[in-house]
Amino acid sequence: AGKMVVRLHTGDPGLYGAIQEQIKLMEARNIPCEVVPGVSSMSAAGASLKREFTQPGVSQSLIITRIKGRTPVPQEESLESLSRHQSSLCIFLSVQKIEEVISCLSQGYPPQTPVAVVYKASWPEEKIIQGDLTDIVKKVKEEGIEKTALILVGDFLKGQGEPSLLYDSSFTHGYRRGK
């Protein structure tokens, strides 16, 4: 009693974990708890690639998802369904099923859609594999990556979006009036 206990949660505590049930158990026992977030692996992967997930003229949406596994995914949230949006996509917990992932994505994205697989984003042993829907499976298999990787999909990976209006001289915001 009276001790501080830390539950260090690997990965993103609010994504595909068991944090909600752990919080409920703590609350049921009147044990105060605090969730301290870190940098998301998704944000770390984007930074390593030097890419912005939402770029004007390319995509204004980022879909965070996973392929079905032990935890089912509703049909309307399946990769096949989500691929039809052609938004920027970050797929967690799925690299071990890379062939199935690419097969599903091919239902909506064109074959030349860029794909990046980021293994252990922000770790010293980080690896980045880049390709498109036609060749990424082979590249990932050659690298032997089967876990601890994100699959990023979409034209945002080209880095060819339009300039942001934030710095456009005609744009008015809280710090300046546009011309």
Foldseek 3Di string as FASTA:
>chain_A
DPDDDDDDDPAFLVPPDCNVVVVVVCVVVVHDDDDDGDDHLVNLVCVVLVFDQDFAPWANDEAEEEAADPHGDPPCPHLLNVLQVQGKYKYAPHQLVVVVNLVSNVNHDPQQWKKWKWAQRPDPPIDIDIGGSVPRNVVCVVVVDNHRIMMITHPRSVVDGDDDCPPPQQDDDPPDHHD
